[in-house]
Protein backbone atom coordinates (compact mmCIF):
# COMPACT_ATOMS: atom_id res chain seq x y z
CA UNK A 1 2.02 13.38 11.56
CA UNK A 2 -0.61 14.85 9.53
CA UNK A 3 -2.64 16.10 12.37
CA UNK A 4 0.54 17.73 13.88
CA UNK A 5 1.00 19.66 10.68
CA UNK A 6 -2.40 21.28 10.98
CA UNK A 7 -2.82 24.80 12.72
CA UNK A 8 -3.24 24.20 16.41
CA UNK A 9 -6.83 25.17 16.30
CA UNK A 10 -7.53 22.17 14.21
CA UNK A 11 -5.68 19.56 15.94
CA UNK A 12 -7.96 18.60 18.93
CA UNK A 13 -11.15 18.58 16.69
CA UNK A 14 -9.51 16.16 14.10
CA UNK A 15 -8.22 14.13 17.17
CA UNK A 16 -11.80 14.01 18.35
CA UNK A 17 -13.13 12.90 15.04
CA UNK A 18 -10.39 10.11 14.77
CA UNK A 19 -10.61 8.91 18.31
CA UNK A 20 -14.32 8.52 17.67
CA UNK A 21 -14.17 6.50 14.48
CA UNK A 22 -11.29 4.47 15.85
CA UNK A 23 -13.38 3.57 18.99
CA UNK A 24 -16.44 2.25 16.77
CA UNK A 25 -13.73 0.24 14.63
CA UNK A 26 -12.40 -1.39 17.74
CA UNK A 27 -15.96 -2.54 18.85
CA UNK A 28 -16.43 -4.29 15.49
CA UNK A 29 -13.08 -5.81 15.05
CA UNK A 30 -11.68 -6.70 18.49
CA UNK A 31 -14.38 -7.38 21.17
CA UNK A 32 -15.09 -10.95 19.98
CA UNK A 33 -15.77 -12.36 23.31
CA UNK A 34 -18.69 -10.00 24.00
CA UNK A 35 -22.02 -9.21 22.46
CA UNK A 36 -20.76 -6.84 19.86
CA UNK A 37 -24.30 -6.00 18.33
CA UNK A 38 -25.55 -4.95 21.86
CA UNK A 39 -22.12 -2.89 22.41
CA UNK A 40 -22.60 -1.29 19.33
CA UNK A 41 -26.11 -0.21 19.77
CA UNK A 42 -25.17 1.18 23.09
CA UNK A 43 -22.27 3.12 21.47
CA UNK A 44 -24.76 4.56 18.83
CA UNK A 45 -27.26 5.59 21.56
CA UNK A 46 -24.52 7.10 23.81
CA UNK A 47 -23.21 9.01 20.80
CA UNK A 48 -26.44 10.82 20.36
CA UNK A 49 -27.08 11.30 23.88
CA UNK A 50 -23.77 13.11 24.11
CA UNK A 51 -24.48 15.28 21.35
CA UNK A 52 -27.96 16.27 22.70
CA UNK A 53 -26.67 16.89 26.21
CA UNK A 54 -23.28 18.49 25.11
CA UNK A 55 -21.37 16.38 27.45
CA UNK A 56 -20.43 12.87 28.22
CA UNK A 57 -18.30 11.12 30.80
CA UNK A 58 -16.53 8.94 28.22
CA UNK A 59 -13.88 11.44 27.04
CA UNK A 60 -13.89 10.16 23.38
CA UNK A 61 -17.70 10.81 23.10
CA UNK A 62 -17.34 14.10 24.93
CA UNK A 63 -14.55 15.16 22.46
CA UNK A 64 -16.58 14.02 19.36
CA UNK A 65 -19.84 15.87 20.58
CA UNK A 66 -17.93 18.99 21.06
CA UNK A 67 -16.76 18.79 17.33
CA UNK A 68 -20.27 17.98 16.21
CA UNK A 69 -21.92 20.84 18.05
CA UNK A 70 -19.18 23.37 17.45
CA UNK A 71 -18.76 22.70 13.74
CA UNK A 72 -22.27 21.66 12.69
CA UNK A 73 -21.39 18.27 11.64
CA UNK A 74 -24.30 16.66 9.90
CA UNK A 75 -26.08 13.94 11.93
CA UNK A 76 -26.55 12.02 8.48
CA UNK A 77 -22.96 11.76 8.30
CA UNK A 78 -22.71 10.18 11.79
CA UNK A 79 -25.52 7.69 11.05
CA UNK A 80 -23.90 6.77 7.61
CA UNK A 81 -20.64 6.07 9.58
CA UNK A 82 -22.30 3.87 12.15
CA UNK A 83 -24.42 2.02 9.55
CA UNK A 84 -21.24 1.10 7.74
CA UNK A 85 -19.51 0.00 10.85
CA UNK A 86 -22.45 -2.13 11.82
CA UNK A 87 -22.20 -3.89 8.39
CA UNK A 88 -18.93 -5.37 9.44
CA UNK A 89 -20.63 -7.15 12.31
CA UNK A 90 -22.27 -9.52 9.82
CA UNK A 91 -21.63 -8.69 6.33
CA UNK A 92 -18.78 -10.32 4.57
CA UNK A 93 -19.38 -9.87 0.87
CA UNK A 94 -20.61 -6.73 -1.02
CA UNK A 95 -22.18 -6.13 -4.42
CA UNK A 96 -21.50 -2.84 -6.15
CA UNK A 97 -24.30 -0.97 -4.43
CA UNK A 98 -23.26 -2.22 -1.08
CA UNK A 99 -19.62 -1.49 -1.69
CA UNK A 100 -20.39 2.16 -2.55
CA UNK A 101 -22.64 2.41 0.54
CA UNK A 102 -19.90 1.02 2.76
CA UNK A 103 -17.15 3.32 1.20
CA UNK A 104 -19.39 6.32 1.70
CA UNK A 105 -20.29 5.62 5.44
CA UNK A 106 -16.82 4.32 6.53
CA UNK A 107 -14.58 6.79 4.71
CA UNK A 108 -16.14 9.54 2.67
CA UNK A 109 -18.15 10.81 5.65
CA UNK A 110 -15.01 10.97 7.84
CA UNK A 111 -13.53 13.29 5.19
CA UNK A 112 -16.72 15.45 5.27
CA UNK A 113 -16.54 15.74 8.99
CA UNK A 114 -13.01 16.99 8.77
CA UNK A 115 -13.94 19.39 5.93
CA UNK A 116 -16.66 20.92 8.28
CA UNK A 117 -13.74 21.68 10.74
CA UNK A 118 -11.48 23.20 8.15
CA UNK A 119 -14.15 25.29 6.62
CA UNK A 120 -15.03 26.76 10.00
CA UNK A 121 -18.68 27.46 9.05
CA UNK A 122 -18.17 28.62 5.67
CA UNK A 123 -20.80 26.59 3.82
CA UNK A 124 -20.00 27.74 0.46
CA UNK A 125 -16.44 26.46 0.60
CA UNK A 126 -17.73 23.22 2.34
CA UNK A 127 -20.17 22.63 -0.50
CA UNK A 128 -17.54 23.57 -3.18
CA UNK A 129 -14.85 21.01 -1.74
CA UNK A 130 -17.27 18.28 -0.74
CA UNK A 131 -16.95 15.98 -3.74
CA UNK A 132 -13.08 16.23 -3.55
CA UNK A 133 -13.38 15.31 0.27
CA UNK A 134 -15.26 12.28 -0.61
CA UNK A 135 -12.88 11.21 -3.34
CA UNK A 136 -10.02 11.44 -0.82
CA UNK A 137 -11.74 9.36 1.75
CA UNK A 138 -12.81 6.81 -0.73
CA UNK A 139 -9.25 6.58 -2.19
CA UNK A 140 -7.69 6.08 1.39
CA UNK A 141 -10.26 3.39 2.23
CA UNK A 142 -9.64 1.49 -1.09
CA UNK A 143 -5.99 1.70 -0.65
CA UNK A 144 -6.60 0.20 2.90
CA UNK A 145 -8.57 -2.57 1.57
CA UNK A 146 -5.69 -3.53 -0.79
CA UNK A 147 -3.17 -3.21 1.88
CA UNK A 148 -5.20 -5.25 4.42
CA UNK A 149 -6.47 -7.76 2.01
CA UNK A 150 -4.76 -10.68 3.70
CA UNK A 151 -6.09 -9.87 7.12
CA UNK A 152 -9.69 -9.01 5.89
CA UNK A 153 -9.96 -11.97 3.60
CA UNK A 154 -8.00 -14.71 5.44
CA UNK A 155 -8.57 -13.74 8.99
CA UNK A 156 -12.00 -12.13 9.05
CA UNK A 157 -13.55 -13.55 5.93
CA UNK A 158 -14.48 -10.28 4.53
CA UNK A 159 -14.47 -9.28 0.82
CA UNK A 160 -14.97 -5.59 0.01
CA UNK A 161 -14.36 -5.22 -3.59
CA UNK A 162 -17.28 -6.45 -5.48
CA UNK A 163 -17.36 -9.17 -8.11
CA UNK A 164 -13.86 -10.32 -7.04
CA UNK A 165 -13.39 -14.01 -5.92
CA UNK A 166 -9.93 -13.75 -4.43
CA UNK A 167 -9.52 -17.60 -4.77
CA UNK A 168 -10.22 -17.51 -8.31
CA UNK A 169 -9.93 -14.31 -10.21
CA UNK A 170 -7.75 -11.84 -8.30
CA UNK A 171 -5.31 -11.50 -11.23
CA UNK A 172 -3.18 -8.71 -12.76
CA UNK A 173 -5.94 -7.48 -14.84
CA UNK A 174 -8.55 -7.16 -11.74
CA UNK A 175 -5.79 -5.60 -9.75
CA UNK A 176 -5.18 -2.89 -12.36
CA UNK A 177 -8.95 -2.30 -12.49
CA UNK A 178 -8.96 -1.61 -8.86
CA UNK A 179 -5.90 0.63 -9.12
CA UNK A 180 -7.30 2.67 -11.80
CA UNK A 181 -10.36 3.46 -9.70
CA UNK A 182 -8.16 4.53 -6.89
CA UNK A 183 -6.12 6.71 -9.28
CA UNK A 184 -9.20 8.52 -10.27
CA UNK A 185 -10.16 9.16 -6.79
CA UNK A 186 -6.67 10.24 -5.84
CA UNK A 187 -6.42 12.77 -8.85
CA UNK A 188 -9.76 14.30 -8.10
CA UNK A 189 -8.88 14.51 -4.37
CA UNK A 190 -5.62 16.32 -5.17
CA UNK A 191 -7.61 19.20 -6.89
CA UNK A 192 -9.41 19.78 -3.75
CA UNK A 193 -6.37 19.65 -1.60
CA UNK A 194 -4.92 22.54 -3.56
CA UNK A 195 -8.06 24.62 -2.56
CA UNK A 196 -7.99 23.78 1.25
CA UNK A 197 -7.44 26.58 3.70
CA UNK A 198 -3.61 26.95 4.32
CA UNK A 199 -3.97 26.13 7.87
CA UNK A 200 -5.16 22.64 6.86
CA UNK A 201 -3.48 22.05 3.60
CA UNK A 202 -0.03 20.80 4.80
CA UNK A 203 -1.67 18.10 7.06
CA UNK A 204 -3.85 16.79 4.54
CA UNK A 205 -1.24 16.87 1.71
CA UNK A 206 1.13 15.08 3.99
CA UNK A 207 -1.32 12.18 4.39
CA UNK A 208 -2.09 12.13 0.68
CA UNK A 209 1.62 11.80 -0.06
CA UNK A 210 1.85 8.87 2.48
CA UNK A 211 -1.06 7.19 0.84
CA UNK A 212 0.41 7.89 -2.73
CA UNK A 213 3.85 6.21 -1.46
CA UNK A 214 1.84 3.21 -0.17
CA UNK A 215 -0.38 3.07 -3.41
CA UNK A 216 2.85 3.14 -5.51
CA UNK A 217 4.20 0.01 -3.54
CA UNK A 218 0.92 -1.83 -3.89
CA UNK A 219 0.96 -1.27 -7.61
CA UNK A 220 4.40 -2.76 -7.99
CA UNK A 221 3.37 -5.68 -5.90
CA UNK A 222 2.10 -8.86 -7.61
CA UNK A 223 -1.57 -9.86 -6.88
CA UNK A 224 -0.09 -12.86 -4.84
CA UNK A 225 2.06 -10.58 -2.73
CA UNK A 226 -0.81 -8.49 -2.00
CA UNK A 227 -2.93 -11.48 -0.96
CA UNK A 228 -0.37 -13.04 1.30
CA UNK A 229 1.63 -10.13 3.01
CA UNK A 230 0.79 -6.58 4.26
CA UNK A 231 2.58 -4.01 2.07
CA UNK A 232 3.84 -1.00 4.10
CA UNK A 233 5.79 2.22 3.84
CA UNK A 234 9.20 1.98 5.65
CA UNK A 235 9.66 4.58 8.42
CA UNK A 236 12.46 6.37 6.79
CA UNK A 237 10.43 6.90 3.65
CA UNK A 238 7.66 8.28 5.86
CA UNK A 239 9.92 10.71 7.51
CA UNK A 240 11.30 11.78 4.10
CA UNK A 241 7.79 12.76 3.11
CA UNK A 242 7.59 15.48 5.79
CA UNK A 243 10.12 18.14 4.41
CA UNK A 244 8.84 17.36 0.76
CA UNK A 245 5.20 18.16 1.63
CA UNK A 246 6.57 21.33 3.65
CA UNK A 247 8.52 22.50 0.78
CA UNK A 248 5.75 21.97 -1.83
CA UNK A 249 3.18 23.67 0.08
CA UNK A 250 5.50 26.58 1.30
CA UNK A 251 6.47 27.22 -2.29
CA UNK A 252 2.88 27.24 -3.35
CA UNK A 253 3.35 24.13 -5.68
CA UNK A 254 0.25 22.64 -4.15
C-alpha cells in the first residue's frame, strides 16, 4: 500500500529494491534442503555482475541493478546488506556491537537505498535526511524482531536483542527498555518524514503509521504474549490508516 501511494516514477525503483532484499531473505530463511552458503555467495557475485554489466537475465537482479546505476546507490550499502543477511546463515546470538551491525545492514541501508531514489540525485538533501532514514529502518526492524520473536527464537533459534535470555529475563522491564529504544528511533524518523519530497512522503508516512499501529499493539501485549504469539494489525485497521495518512499529508500536518 505504501508503494502505491508514491508518485508513479518512484514505484518501480522501490519495487526493485524490495524484491532484491526479499530474494536474499528467502535464500537465508527457506532453502534449507540446499547449500545455502553456496547459493548466497552466487547471489552476491551475480549482484555485482549485474551492476557492472547493467543487465541480468534474472529479472529481480536486473531491476535492482537499474536502480543502483540510475540513482547512484552506494556499493557499501549493498555489501553491508549482504553481510547482515549472511550472518543469518550461522549466527544465532548477538552482542551489542553485532546487534548494531546487523540492524544497520539488514534495515538501515534499505532506508538509505530508498532515500537515494526519493532524493533523485540531490546529495545535499540525501545527506541531511540520512540519519532519519537510518532511524526509520532501525525502528521497523526492531518492531519486526518483537513481532517475530516466537518464530525467530523458537523455530530458528535466533536471538537478536543483545543481553536478553528469553527463557530467563524477558520480563516487563526488559520489554519496556526495548520499546523505549524503538520509540526514540520512531520519533527521530518522523522528523525526517516531514522533510521528504511530497511525491514520496505519503507512502513513507503510510508505512510509518502501520508500524506505529503494530508497535502500540506490541506495547499492550505482555512479554508472554509476545513470546508465544505473533501480534498483528487487523486488515480493517490497516485500511483505515490510508485515509488518515492521506488527510494528514494533504492538510500539511506532516
